Amino acid sequence: MTASVDVKASPERLYGRQRGHPLRARQQRLLDQTLPRLRFPESAIADPAAGFGRAPQQIWLEVGFGGGEHSLAQHAAHPDVGYIACEVFENGLCSLLSRVVPEGGEETAPVPDLLRIWDEDARILLQRLPDASIDRMFLMFPDPWPKSRHAKRRFIHPETVRLAARILRPGAIWRVASDDPTYQAWVEEVMGAQDLFETAPPARIRPEGWPPTRYEAKALKAGRQPLYWTFVRR
């Protein structure tokens, strides 16, 4: 590392609450019937290509997909890529699942071969996936944990950067976006203190090939300026 960032060790789990409003009947069916059919199996962690319905050309990983817009757009645009979408928040899981199967087809409608969901903390995957097994990674508008004492809970963290570097192949891209000024400064600090990724100044306009998300739209409506980083694994 080229420098150090003074921050406490990251906790075993980064997320807070898993559920917002009470689930409706359709949402509960999605979690009970559809999610098990799309869940990335723990048995495939050692050989992630085996976790899909057919062999992928590459494997991409998104951490915290929120409402699922970005994951589904990337999956549609890259139909030969195995996409692992991570999210623990149940309402977010339901948002994505509701776009995958029609109402009434929660248990029987076909599901994509190359889209899988990891509904546990993404750091578990980062800790257990094989070296250089992921070809691209995304972190879109993560929870900023704005208070200084909560910095250890931010996904961008010196420990997590090392984990990400281990699973990403050389030359792999890690895309990060945030609209929170505290988190933006934090990304610059943490990524400026490491030598595992090539860094460059962030873009202020969403680059081509970055699908929009509801969080970006909300930020722009509120007058906040998103920043978009592209880090490349050395």
Protein backbone atom coordinates (compact mmCIF):
# COMPACT_ATOMS: atom_id res chain seq x y z
CA MET A 1 0.00 0.00 0.00
CA THR A 2 1.27 3.47 -0.80
CA ALA A 3 -0.23 5.00 2.32
CA SER A 4 -2.52 4.09 5.18
CA VAL A 5 -6.01 5.14 6.16
CA ASP A 6 -6.72 5.38 9.86
CA VAL A 7 -9.94 3.40 10.24
CA LYS A 8 -11.11 0.57 12.45
CA ALA A 9 -11.38 -2.94 11.09
CA SER A 10 -14.48 -3.64 9.07
CA PRO A 11 -17.15 -5.61 10.96
CA GLU A 12 -18.18 -9.08 9.86
CA ARG A 13 -21.46 -7.70 8.49
CA LEU A 14 -21.89 -4.28 6.91
CA TYR A 15 -25.61 -4.05 6.39
CA GLY A 16 -28.22 -2.77 8.83
CA ARG A 17 -31.91 -3.56 8.62
CA GLN A 18 -33.10 -6.12 6.09
CA ARG A 19 -36.77 -5.18 5.83
CA GLY A 20 -38.61 -1.89 5.34
CA HIS A 21 -42.38 -1.89 5.01
CA PRO A 22 -44.28 -5.13 5.70
CA LEU A 23 -44.20 -7.42 2.70
CA ARG A 24 -47.24 -7.88 0.50
CA ALA A 25 -48.43 -11.35 -0.51
CA ARG A 26 -46.75 -11.14 -3.93
CA GLN A 27 -43.46 -10.08 -2.34
CA GLN A 28 -43.57 -12.97 0.10
CA ARG A 29 -44.14 -15.42 -2.76
CA LEU A 30 -41.17 -13.97 -4.60
CA LEU A 31 -38.94 -14.55 -1.59
CA ASP A 32 -40.34 -18.00 -0.84
CA GLN A 33 -40.67 -19.36 -4.38
CA THR A 34 -38.57 -17.35 -6.84
CA LEU A 35 -35.52 -16.40 -4.81
CA PRO A 36 -34.52 -20.05 -4.10
CA ARG A 37 -34.48 -20.70 -7.85
CA LEU A 38 -32.19 -17.73 -8.51
CA ARG A 39 -30.01 -17.89 -5.39
CA PHE A 40 -26.31 -18.32 -6.07
CA PRO A 41 -25.48 -21.60 -4.30
CA GLU A 42 -22.82 -21.73 -1.62
CA SER A 43 -21.69 -25.00 -3.17
CA ALA A 44 -20.54 -23.07 -6.25
CA ILE A 45 -18.38 -20.50 -4.46
CA ALA A 46 -15.20 -22.48 -5.10
CA ASP A 47 -16.13 -22.75 -8.81
CA PRO A 48 -18.46 -19.80 -9.48
CA ALA A 49 -19.10 -20.71 -13.13
CA ALA A 50 -20.87 -23.82 -11.82
CA GLY A 51 -23.48 -21.65 -10.10
CA PHE A 52 -25.24 -20.72 -13.35
CA GLY A 53 -27.62 -22.55 -15.64
CA ARG A 54 -25.02 -22.58 -18.42
CA ALA A 55 -21.35 -21.74 -18.73
CA PRO A 56 -20.74 -17.97 -18.72
CA GLN A 57 -18.06 -16.25 -20.78
CA GLN A 58 -17.26 -13.94 -17.86
CA ILE A 59 -18.52 -13.46 -14.31
CA TRP A 60 -19.51 -10.02 -12.99
CA LEU A 61 -20.43 -9.11 -9.43
CA GLU A 62 -22.62 -6.25 -8.20
CA VAL A 63 -22.57 -5.31 -4.52
CA GLY A 64 -25.85 -3.92 -3.17
CA PHE A 65 -28.12 -3.76 -6.22
CA GLY A 66 -30.84 -1.69 -4.54
CA GLY A 67 -33.92 -1.80 -6.76
CA GLY A 68 -32.21 -4.01 -9.34
CA GLU A 69 -32.36 -1.62 -12.30
CA HIS A 70 -28.61 -1.64 -12.89
CA SER A 71 -28.27 -5.42 -12.50
CA LEU A 72 -31.09 -6.21 -14.91
CA ALA A 73 -29.85 -3.70 -17.48
CA GLN A 74 -26.33 -5.13 -17.37
CA HIS A 75 -27.69 -8.67 -17.61
CA ALA A 76 -29.80 -7.75 -20.64
CA ALA A 77 -26.94 -5.94 -22.35
CA HIS A 78 -24.45 -8.77 -21.76
CA PRO A 79 -26.39 -12.01 -22.22
CA ASP A 80 -23.30 -14.27 -22.11
CA VAL A 81 -22.01 -12.88 -18.80
CA GLY A 82 -22.77 -14.65 -15.53
CA TYR A 83 -24.04 -11.91 -13.22
CA ILE A 84 -24.04 -12.29 -9.43
CA ALA A 85 -26.25 -9.58 -7.90
CA CYS A 86 -25.85 -9.08 -4.14
CA GLU A 87 -28.49 -7.53 -1.88
CA VAL A 88 -29.73 -8.22 1.65
CA PHE A 89 -32.61 -5.74 1.82
CA GLU A 90 -35.80 -7.74 1.24
CA ASN A 91 -37.70 -4.97 -0.52
CA GLY A 92 -34.81 -4.59 -2.96
CA LEU A 93 -34.78 -8.32 -3.58
CA CYS A 94 -38.50 -8.23 -4.31
CA SER A 95 -38.05 -5.29 -6.66
CA LEU A 96 -35.63 -7.23 -8.83
CA LEU A 97 -37.51 -10.53 -8.62
CA SER A 98 -40.79 -8.88 -9.62
CA ARG A 99 -39.17 -7.89 -12.92
CA VAL A 100 -37.87 -11.39 -13.58
CA VAL A 101 -41.10 -13.39 -13.30
CA PRO A 102 -44.72 -12.37 -13.96
CA GLU A 103 -47.29 -12.30 -11.20
CA GLY A 104 -48.61 -15.81 -10.76
CA GLY A 105 -45.39 -17.34 -12.07
CA GLU A 106 -43.33 -17.01 -8.92
CA GLU A 107 -42.92 -20.78 -8.60
CA THR A 108 -43.04 -21.94 -12.23
CA ALA A 109 -42.02 -19.18 -14.65
CA PRO A 110 -38.58 -19.65 -16.26
CA VAL A 111 -35.70 -17.75 -14.67
CA PRO A 112 -32.54 -16.52 -16.42
CA ASP A 113 -29.64 -18.95 -16.77
CA LEU A 114 -26.95 -16.34 -16.15
CA LEU A 115 -28.45 -14.15 -13.42
CA ARG A 116 -27.99 -15.24 -9.83
CA ILE A 117 -28.70 -13.52 -6.50
CA TRP A 118 -26.60 -13.57 -3.35
CA ASP A 119 -28.81 -12.45 -0.45
CA GLU A 120 -26.15 -12.53 2.25
CA ASP A 121 -23.43 -9.98 2.99
CA ALA A 122 -21.32 -9.56 -0.16
CA ARG A 123 -18.16 -9.69 1.93
CA ILE A 124 -18.77 -13.40 2.48
CA LEU A 125 -18.34 -13.90 -1.25
CA LEU A 126 -15.29 -11.66 -1.39
CA GLN A 127 -13.70 -13.71 1.36
CA ARG A 128 -14.44 -17.09 -0.21
CA LEU A 129 -14.37 -16.73 -4.00
CA PRO A 130 -11.24 -18.01 -5.76
CA ASP A 131 -8.42 -15.68 -6.72
CA ALA A 132 -8.94 -13.81 -10.01
CA SER A 133 -12.38 -15.37 -10.53
CA ILE A 134 -14.36 -12.17 -11.21
CA ASP A 135 -14.08 -10.14 -14.41
CA ARG A 136 -15.94 -6.97 -13.37
CA MET A 137 -17.38 -5.52 -10.18
CA PHE A 138 -19.92 -2.79 -9.43
CA LEU A 139 -20.71 -0.70 -6.36
CA MET A 140 -23.53 1.69 -7.26
CA PHE A 141 -24.56 4.35 -4.72
CA PRO A 142 -23.75 2.42 -1.54
CA ASP A 143 -24.98 3.35 1.91
CA PRO A 144 -22.64 6.23 2.87
CA TRP A 145 -22.64 5.63 6.65
CA PRO A 146 -21.98 9.38 6.96
CA LYS A 147 -20.88 9.56 10.60
CA SER A 148 -17.14 9.23 11.22
CA ARG A 149 -17.63 6.51 13.81
CA HIS A 150 -19.40 4.43 11.16
CA ALA A 151 -16.55 4.63 8.62
CA LYS A 152 -15.67 1.00 9.39
CA ARG A 153 -19.04 -0.01 7.92
CA ARG A 154 -18.48 1.56 4.52
CA PHE A 155 -17.94 -0.96 1.76
CA ILE A 156 -15.02 1.07 0.45
CA HIS A 157 -12.60 0.15 3.22
CA PRO A 158 -8.91 -0.80 3.13
CA GLU A 159 -9.73 -4.41 4.05
CA THR A 160 -12.47 -4.70 1.43
CA VAL A 161 -10.26 -3.16 -1.25
CA ARG A 162 -7.75 -5.94 -0.63
CA LEU A 163 -10.50 -8.56 -0.81
CA ALA A 164 -11.81 -7.08 -4.07
CA ALA A 165 -8.31 -7.03 -5.55
CA ARG A 166 -7.84 -10.71 -4.72
CA ILE A 167 -10.96 -11.92 -6.55
CA LEU A 168 -10.65 -9.58 -9.55
CA ARG A 169 -8.45 -10.73 -12.40
CA PRO A 170 -5.65 -8.41 -13.57
CA GLY A 171 -7.14 -5.75 -15.82
CA ALA A 172 -10.63 -6.17 -14.37
CA ILE A 173 -12.74 -3.05 -13.92
CA TRP A 174 -14.36 -1.99 -10.64
CA ARG A 175 -17.01 0.71 -11.11
CA VAL A 176 -18.08 2.83 -8.13
CA ALA A 177 -20.69 5.61 -8.02
CA SER A 178 -21.80 7.84 -5.15
CA ASP A 179 -23.71 11.09 -4.73
CA ASP A 180 -22.79 11.60 -1.05
CA PRO A 181 -20.01 14.20 -0.52
CA THR A 182 -18.68 12.44 2.59
CA TYR A 183 -18.51 9.12 0.80
CA GLN A 184 -17.00 10.71 -2.29
CA ALA A 185 -14.17 12.17 -0.22
CA TRP A 186 -13.79 8.81 1.51
CA VAL A 187 -13.45 6.96 -1.81
CA GLU A 188 -10.74 9.38 -2.87
CA GLU A 189 -8.91 8.94 0.43
CA VAL A 190 -9.06 5.14 0.57
CA MET A 191 -8.36 4.51 -3.11
CA GLY A 192 -5.58 7.08 -3.09
CA ALA A 193 -3.85 5.14 -0.31
CA GLN A 194 -3.61 1.80 -2.13
CA ASP A 195 -1.57 0.39 -5.01
CA LEU A 196 -3.74 -2.55 -6.09
CA PHE A 197 -5.90 -0.59 -8.55
CA GLU A 198 -5.14 2.02 -11.17
CA THR A 199 -7.10 5.15 -10.31
CA ALA A 200 -8.27 8.16 -12.29
CA PRO A 201 -10.36 11.24 -11.46
CA PRO A 202 -14.07 10.41 -11.37
CA ALA A 203 -16.47 11.40 -14.13
CA ARG A 204 -19.21 13.89 -13.27
CA ILE A 205 -21.55 12.68 -16.03
CA ARG A 206 -22.59 9.03 -16.08
CA PRO A 207 -20.31 7.33 -18.62
CA GLU A 208 -21.62 5.32 -21.54
CA GLY A 209 -22.48 1.77 -20.55
CA TRP A 210 -23.47 2.69 -16.99
CA PRO A 211 -27.23 2.03 -16.70
CA PRO A 212 -29.12 4.55 -14.55
CA THR A 213 -30.56 3.71 -11.14
CA ARG A 214 -33.36 5.15 -9.03
CA TYR A 215 -30.78 6.38 -6.53
CA GLU A 216 -29.00 8.39 -9.20
CA ALA A 217 -32.31 9.90 -10.34
CA LYS A 218 -33.17 10.79 -6.75
CA ALA A 219 -29.77 12.42 -6.24
CA LEU A 220 -30.02 14.49 -9.41
CA LYS A 221 -33.55 15.62 -8.53
CA ALA A 222 -32.28 16.74 -5.12
CA GLY A 223 -29.41 18.66 -6.71
CA ARG A 224 -26.62 16.33 -5.59
CA GLN A 225 -23.71 15.66 -7.93
CA PRO A 226 -22.93 11.96 -8.47
CA LEU A 227 -19.36 10.93 -9.17
CA TYR A 228 -18.44 7.85 -11.22
CA TRP A 229 -15.11 6.07 -10.71
CA THR A 230 -13.49 3.39 -12.83
CA PHE A 231 -10.75 1.48 -11.04
CA VAL A 232 -8.64 -1.09 -12.88
CA ARG A 233 -7.02 -4.06 -11.14
CA ARG A 234 -3.25 -3.95 -11.55
